[in-house]
PDB file of N, CA and C in Angstrom:
ATOM      1  N   MET A   1      48.336  84.158 161.747  1.00  0.00           N
ATOM      2  CA  MET A   1      48.201  85.515 161.262  1.00  0.00           C
ATOM      3  C   MET A   1      49.556  86.208 161.356  1.00  0.00           C
ATOM      4  N   ILE A   2      49.889  86.932 160.341  1.00  0.00           N
ATOM      5  CA  ILE A   2      51.150  87.669 160.308  1.00  0.00           C
ATOM      6  C   ILE A   2      50.930  89.008 160.991  1.00  0.00           C
ATOM      7  N   LYS A   3      51.659  89.218 162.087  1.00  0.00           N
ATOM      8  CA  LYS A   3      51.479  90.450 162.851  1.00  0.00           C
ATOM      9  C   LYS A   3      52.352  91.581 162.333  1.00  0.00           C
ATOM     10  N   ASN A   4      53.510  91.235 161.789  1.00  0.00           N
ATOM     11  CA  ASN A   4      54.409  92.262 161.277  1.00  0.00           C
ATOM     12  C   ASN A   4      54.906  91.849 159.890  1.00  0.00           C
ATOM     13  N   PRO A   5      54.198  92.262 158.842  1.00  0.00           N
ATOM     14  CA  PRO A   5      54.571  91.834 157.493  1.00  0.00           C
ATOM     15  C   PRO A   5      55.952  92.319 157.056  1.00  0.00           C
ATOM     16  N   LYS A   6      56.384  93.466 157.555  1.00  0.00           N
ATOM     17  CA  LYS A   6      57.706  93.974 157.175  1.00  0.00           C
ATOM     18  C   LYS A   6      58.807  93.068 157.712  1.00  0.00           C
ATOM     19  N   THR A   7      58.621  92.563 158.929  1.00  0.00           N
ATOM     20  CA  THR A   7      59.599  91.643 159.508  1.00  0.00           C
ATOM     21  C   THR A   7      59.639  90.351 158.705  1.00  0.00           C
ATOM     22  N   LEU A   8      58.483  89.854 158.314  1.00  0.00           N
ATOM     23  CA  LEU A   8      58.421  88.637 157.507  1.00  0.00           C
ATOM     24  C   LEU A   8      59.096  88.852 156.157  1.00  0.00           C
ATOM     25  N   GLU A   9      58.834  89.980 155.532  1.00  0.00           N
ATOM     26  CA  GLU A   9      59.441  90.277 154.233  1.00  0.00           C
ATOM     27  C   GLU A   9      60.963  90.357 154.352  1.00  0.00           C
ATOM     28  N   LYS A  10      61.435  90.985 155.421  1.00  0.00           N
ATOM     29  CA  LYS A  10      62.876  91.091 155.666  1.00  0.00           C
ATOM     30  C   LYS A  10      63.481  89.698 155.842  1.00  0.00           C
ATOM     31  N   PHE A  11      62.801  88.852 156.613  1.00  0.00           N
ATOM     32  CA  PHE A  11      63.267  87.485 156.822  1.00  0.00           C
ATOM     33  C   PHE A  11      63.315  86.719 155.507  1.00  0.00           C
ATOM     34  N   GLU A  12      62.258  86.845 154.698  1.00  0.00           N
ATOM     35  CA  GLU A  12      62.197  86.122 153.428  1.00  0.00           C
ATOM     36  C   GLU A  12      63.337  86.528 152.504  1.00  0.00           C
ATOM     37  N   LYS A  13      63.601  87.827 152.395  1.00  0.00           N
ATOM     38  CA  LYS A  13      64.687  88.302 151.532  1.00  0.00           C
ATOM     39  C   LYS A  13      66.038  87.780 152.017  1.00  0.00           C
ATOM     40  N   LYS A  14      66.240  87.829 153.329  1.00  0.00           N
ATOM     41  CA  LYS A  14      67.490  87.340 153.911  1.00  0.00           C
ATOM     42  C   LYS A  14      67.630  85.836 153.675  1.00  0.00           C
ATOM     43  N   TYR A  15      66.554  85.112 153.847  1.00  0.00           N
ATOM     44  CA  TYR A  15      66.565  83.659 153.656  1.00  0.00           C
ATOM     45  C   TYR A  15      66.885  83.302 152.209  1.00  0.00           C
ATOM     46  N   ILE A  16      66.272  84.007 151.279  1.00  0.00           N
ATOM     47  CA  ILE A  16      66.497  83.737 149.856  1.00  0.00           C
ATOM     48  C   ILE A  16      67.955  83.994 149.486  1.00  0.00           C
ATOM     49  N   LYS A  17      68.530  85.092 149.993  1.00  0.00           N
ATOM     50  CA  LYS A  17      69.932  85.387 149.710  1.00  0.00           C
ATOM     51  C   LYS A  17      70.851  84.317 150.290  1.00  0.00           C
ATOM     52  N   LYS A  18      70.552  83.896 151.509  1.00  0.00           N
ATOM     53  CA  LYS A  18      71.403  82.937 152.210  1.00  0.00           C
ATOM     54  C   LYS A  18      71.268  81.532 151.637  1.00  0.00           C
ATOM     55  N   ASN A  19      70.085  81.148 151.242  1.00  0.00           N
ATOM     56  CA  ASN A  19      69.805  79.791 150.773  1.00  0.00           C
ATOM     57  C   ASN A  19      69.434  79.798 149.302  1.00  0.00           C
ATOM     58  N   ASN A  20      70.432  79.861 148.472  1.00  0.00           N
ATOM     59  CA  ASN A  20      70.198  79.873 147.032  1.00  0.00           C
ATOM     60  C   ASN A  20      69.904  78.445 146.575  1.00  0.00           C
ATOM     61  N   LEU A  21      68.625  78.103 146.490  1.00  0.00           N
ATOM     62  CA  LEU A  21      68.208  76.741 146.169  1.00  0.00           C
ATOM     63  C   LEU A  21      68.135  76.523 144.665  1.00  0.00           C
ATOM     64  N   THR A  22      68.415  75.296 144.268  1.00  0.00           N
ATOM     65  CA  THR A  22      68.265  74.924 142.864  1.00  0.00           C
ATOM     66  C   THR A  22      66.785  74.684 142.577  1.00  0.00           C
ATOM     67  N   PHE A  23      66.474  74.575 141.299  1.00  0.00           N
ATOM     68  CA  PHE A  23      65.091  74.300 140.922  1.00  0.00           C
ATOM     69  C   PHE A  23      64.625  72.984 141.519  1.00  0.00           C
ATOM     70  N   LYS A  24      65.476  71.962 141.485  1.00  0.00           N
ATOM     71  CA  LYS A  24      65.107  70.649 142.031  1.00  0.00           C
ATOM     72  C   LYS A  24      64.823  70.730 143.529  1.00  0.00           C
ATOM     73  N   GLU A  25      65.618  71.506 144.250  1.00  0.00           N
ATOM     74  CA  GLU A  25      65.401  71.657 145.695  1.00  0.00           C
ATOM     75  C   GLU A  25      64.078  72.366 145.970  1.00  0.00           C
ATOM     76  N   LYS A  26      63.804  73.408 145.190  1.00  0.00           N
ATOM     77  CA  LYS A  26      62.542  74.135 145.344  1.00  0.00           C
ATOM     78  C   LYS A  26      61.352  73.233 145.026  1.00  0.00           C
ATOM     79  N   LEU A  27      61.497  72.429 143.981  1.00  0.00           N
ATOM     80  CA  LEU A  27      60.433  71.510 143.597  1.00  0.00           C
ATOM     81  C   LEU A  27      60.182  70.476 144.689  1.00  0.00           C
ATOM     82  N   LYS A  28      61.235  69.984 145.305  1.00  0.00           N
ATOM     83  CA  LYS A  28      61.104  69.006 146.388  1.00  0.00           C
ATOM     84  C   LYS A  28      60.343  69.621 147.572  1.00  0.00           C
ATOM     85  N   ILE A  29      60.651  70.865 147.912  1.00  0.00           N
ATOM     86  CA  ILE A  29      59.938  71.552 148.994  1.00  0.00           C
ATOM     87  C   ILE A  29      58.462  71.677 148.637  1.00  0.00           C
ATOM     88  N   TYR A  30      58.184  72.095 147.405  1.00  0.00           N
ATOM     89  CA  TYR A  30      56.798  72.238 146.952  1.00  0.00           C
ATOM     90  C   TYR A  30      56.060  70.912 147.038  1.00  0.00           C
ATOM     91  N   GLU A  31      56.702  69.841 146.566  1.00  0.00           N
ATOM     92  CA  GLU A  31      56.066  68.524 146.595  1.00  0.00           C
ATOM     93  C   GLU A  31      55.783  68.074 148.027  1.00  0.00           C
ATOM     94  N   ASN A  32      56.712  68.344 148.932  1.00  0.00           N
ATOM     95  CA  ASN A  32      56.505  67.976 150.333  1.00  0.00           C
ATOM     96  C   ASN A  32      55.353  68.765 150.957  1.00  0.00           C
ATOM     97  N   LEU A  33      55.272  70.057 150.636  1.00  0.00           N
ATOM     98  CA  LEU A  33      54.167  70.872 151.151  1.00  0.00           C
ATOM     99  C   LEU A  33      52.832  70.384 150.585  1.00  0.00           C
ATOM    100  N   TRP A  34      52.820  70.030 149.302  1.00  0.00           N
ATOM    101  CA  TRP A  34      51.604  69.522 148.664  1.00  0.00           C
ATOM    102  C   TRP A  34      51.157  68.225 149.333  1.00  0.00           C
ATOM    103  N   THR A  35      52.111  67.322 149.566  1.00  0.00           N
ATOM    104  CA  THR A  35      51.802  66.045 150.215  1.00  0.00           C
ATOM    105  C   THR A  35      51.244  66.271 151.614  1.00  0.00           C
ATOM    106  N   GLU A  36      51.850  67.193 152.340  1.00  0.00           N
ATOM    107  CA  GLU A  36      51.366  67.491 153.690  1.00  0.00           C
ATOM    108  C   GLU A  36      49.946  68.043 153.651  1.00  0.00           C
ATOM    109  N   ALA A  37      49.672  68.917 152.693  1.00  0.00           N
ATOM    110  CA  ALA A  37      48.325  69.474 152.561  1.00  0.00           C
ATOM    111  C   ALA A  37      47.315  68.381 152.226  1.00  0.00           C
ATOM    112  N   LEU A  38      47.714  67.422 151.401  1.00  0.00           N
ATOM    113  CA  LEU A  38      46.828  66.299 151.080  1.00  0.00           C
ATOM    114  C   LEU A  38      46.551  65.452 152.314  1.00  0.00           C
ATOM    115  N   LEU A  39      47.592  65.200 153.103  1.00  0.00           N
ATOM    116  CA  LEU A  39      47.428  64.399 154.318  1.00  0.00           C
ATOM    117  C   LEU A  39      46.529  65.101 155.338  1.00  0.00           C
ATOM    118  N   MET A  40      46.601  66.440 155.357  1.00  0.00           N
ATOM    119  CA  MET A  40      45.764  67.216 156.275  1.00  0.00           C
ATOM    120  C   MET A  40      44.355  67.401 155.723  1.00  0.00           C
ATOM    121  N   LYS A  41      44.146  66.922 154.499  1.00  0.00           N
ATOM    122  CA  LYS A  41      42.862  67.032 153.801  1.00  0.00           C
ATOM    123  C   LYS A  41      42.452  68.487 153.555  1.00  0.00           C
ATOM    124  N   VAL A  42      43.455  69.340 153.370  1.00  0.00           N
ATOM    125  CA  VAL A  42      43.218  70.739 153.033  1.00  0.00           C
ATOM    126  C   VAL A  42      43.097  70.883 151.516  1.00  0.00           C
ATOM    127  N   LEU A  43      43.829  70.057 150.799  1.00  0.00           N
ATOM    128  CA  LEU A  43      43.805  70.036 149.340  1.00  0.00           C
ATOM    129  C   LEU A  43      43.473  68.632 148.876  1.00  0.00           C
ATOM    130  N   PRO A  44      42.904  68.443 147.759  1.00  0.00           N
ATOM    131  CA  PRO A  44      42.277  69.454 146.918  1.00  0.00           C
ATOM    132  C   PRO A  44      40.949  69.903 147.506  1.00  0.00           C
ATOM    133  N   SER A  45      40.577  71.092 147.147  1.00  0.00           N
ATOM    134  CA  SER A  45      39.323  71.649 147.633  1.00  0.00           C
ATOM    135  C   SER A  45      38.145  70.855 147.079  1.00  0.00           C
ATOM    136  N   LYS A  46      37.132  70.661 147.923  1.00  0.00           N
ATOM    137  CA  LYS A  46      35.933  69.951 147.462  1.00  0.00           C
ATOM    138  C   LYS A  46      35.242  70.739 146.361  1.00  0.00           C
ATOM    139  N   ASP A  47      35.238  72.050 146.516  1.00  0.00           N
ATOM    140  CA  ASP A  47      34.633  72.923 145.517  1.00  0.00           C
ATOM    141  C   ASP A  47      35.680  73.949 145.094  1.00  0.00           C
ATOM    142  N   PRO A  48      36.316  73.765 143.938  1.00  0.00           N
ATOM    143  CA  PRO A  48      37.388  74.668 143.523  1.00  0.00           C
ATOM    144  C   PRO A  48      36.945  76.120 143.345  1.00  0.00           C
ATOM    145  N   LEU A  49      35.658  76.344 143.158  1.00  0.00           N
ATOM    146  CA  LEU A  49      35.174  77.717 142.983  1.00  0.00           C
ATOM    147  C   LEU A  49      34.703  78.344 144.294  1.00  0.00           C
ATOM    148  N   GLU A  50      34.826  77.619 145.387  1.00  0.00           N
ATOM    149  CA  GLU A  50      34.400  78.144 146.682  1.00  0.00           C
ATOM    150  C   GLU A  50      35.201  79.402 147.016  1.00  0.00           C
ATOM    151  N   GLY A  51      34.502  80.474 147.315  1.00  0.00           N
ATOM    152  CA  GLY A  51      35.143  81.726 147.697  1.00  0.00           C
ATOM    153  C   GLY A  51      35.632  82.565 146.536  1.00  0.00           C
ATOM    154  N   ILE A  52      35.305  82.168 145.315  1.00  0.00           N
ATOM    155  CA  ILE A  52      35.810  82.910 144.160  1.00  0.00           C
ATOM    156  C   ILE A  52      35.224  84.322 144.100  1.00  0.00           C
ATOM    157  N   GLU A  53      34.009  84.488 144.594  1.00  0.00           N
ATOM    158  CA  GLU A  53      33.391  85.817 144.580  1.00  0.00           C
ATOM    159  C   GLU A  53      34.226  86.799 145.392  1.00  0.00           C
ATOM    160  N   ILE A  54      34.707  86.360 146.536  1.00  0.00           N
ATOM    161  CA  ILE A  54      35.532  87.217 147.390  1.00  0.00           C
ATOM    162  C   ILE A  54      36.844  87.529 146.685  1.00  0.00           C
ATOM    163  N   ASP A  55      37.458  86.525 146.058  1.00  0.00           N
ATOM    164  CA  ASP A  55      38.708  86.742 145.331  1.00  0.00           C
ATOM    165  C   ASP A  55      38.518  87.755 144.209  1.00  0.00           C
ATOM    166  N   ILE A  56      37.399  87.668 143.509  1.00  0.00           N
ATOM    167  CA  ILE A  56      37.116  88.603 142.417  1.00  0.00           C
ATOM    168  C   ILE A  56      36.941  90.014 142.963  1.00  0.00           C
ATOM    169  N   LYS A  57      36.228  90.153 144.076  1.00  0.00           N
ATOM    170  CA  LYS A  57      36.034  91.476 144.675  1.00  0.00           C
ATOM    171  C   LYS A  57      37.362  92.077 145.117  1.00  0.00           C
ATOM    172  N   ILE A  58      38.201  91.265 145.750  1.00  0.00           N
ATOM    173  CA  ILE A  58      39.506  91.755 146.205  1.00  0.00           C
ATOM    174  C   ILE A  58      40.352  92.172 145.006  1.00  0.00           C
ATOM    175  N   ALA A  59      40.365  91.354 143.955  1.00  0.00           N
ATOM    176  CA  ALA A  59      41.129  91.687 142.752  1.00  0.00           C
ATOM    177  C   ALA A  59      40.617  92.979 142.128  1.00  0.00           C
ATOM    178  N   TRP A  60      39.304  93.141 142.082  1.00  0.00           N
ATOM    179  CA  TRP A  60      38.718  94.350 141.508  1.00  0.00           C
ATOM    180  C   TRP A  60      39.155  95.577 142.308  1.00  0.00           C
ATOM    181  N   ILE A  61      39.102  95.475 143.640  1.00  0.00           N
ATOM    182  CA  ILE A  61      39.498  96.595 144.501  1.00  0.00           C
ATOM    183  C   ILE A  61      40.975  96.917 144.308  1.00  0.00           C
ATOM    184  N   LEU A  62      41.823  95.900 144.343  1.00  0.00           N
ATOM    185  CA  LEU A  62      43.261  96.129 144.189  1.00  0.00           C
ATOM    186  C   LEU A  62      43.594  96.719 142.826  1.00  0.00           C
ATOM    187  N   ASN A  63      42.950  96.225 141.788  1.00  0.00           N
ATOM    188  CA  ASN A  63      43.203  96.756 140.449  1.00  0.00           C
ATOM    189  C   ASN A  63      42.719  98.189 140.312  1.00  0.00           C
ATOM    190  N   SER A  64      41.614  98.521 140.955  1.00  0.00           N
ATOM    191  CA  SER A  64      41.115  99.894 140.863  1.00  0.00           C
ATOM    192  C   SER A  64      42.019 100.848 141.634  1.00  0.00           C
ATOM    193  N   LEU A  65      42.636 100.383 142.718  1.00  0.00           N
ATOM    194  CA  LEU A  65      43.561 101.223 143.477  1.00  0.00           C
ATOM    195  C   LEU A  65      44.842 101.457 142.693  1.00  0.00           C
ATOM    196  N   HIS A  66      45.268 100.477 141.943  1.00  0.00           N
ATOM    197  CA  HIS A  66      46.509 100.569 141.186  1.00  0.00           C
ATOM    198  C   HIS A  66      46.420 101.657 140.117  1.00  0.00           C
ATOM    199  N   LYS A  67      45.237 101.876 139.565  1.00  0.00           N
ATOM    200  CA  LYS A  67      45.055 102.834 138.478  1.00  0.00           C
ATOM    201  C   LYS A  67      45.119 104.277 138.951  1.00  0.00           C
ATOM    202  N   LYS A  68      44.939 104.497 140.249  1.00  0.00           N
ATOM    203  CA  LYS A  68      44.899 105.877 140.753  1.00  0.00           C
ATOM    204  C   LYS A  68      46.257 106.492 140.849  1.00  0.00           C
TER     205      LYS A  68
END
């Protein structure tokens, strides 16, 4: 759980500026994370629609707040 999102955001911005990665480097990181998720049996989801109702509700709430 992220306890301080502002600190994380600050770290991410600093990291991105400091480590200007190429597309190939970014793709390699993504592929490694995907492989790790497969090994942990987190992906692929057994039911790809699992939890979609919650995602739709959250999207609806966020979109309605944006209009105000």
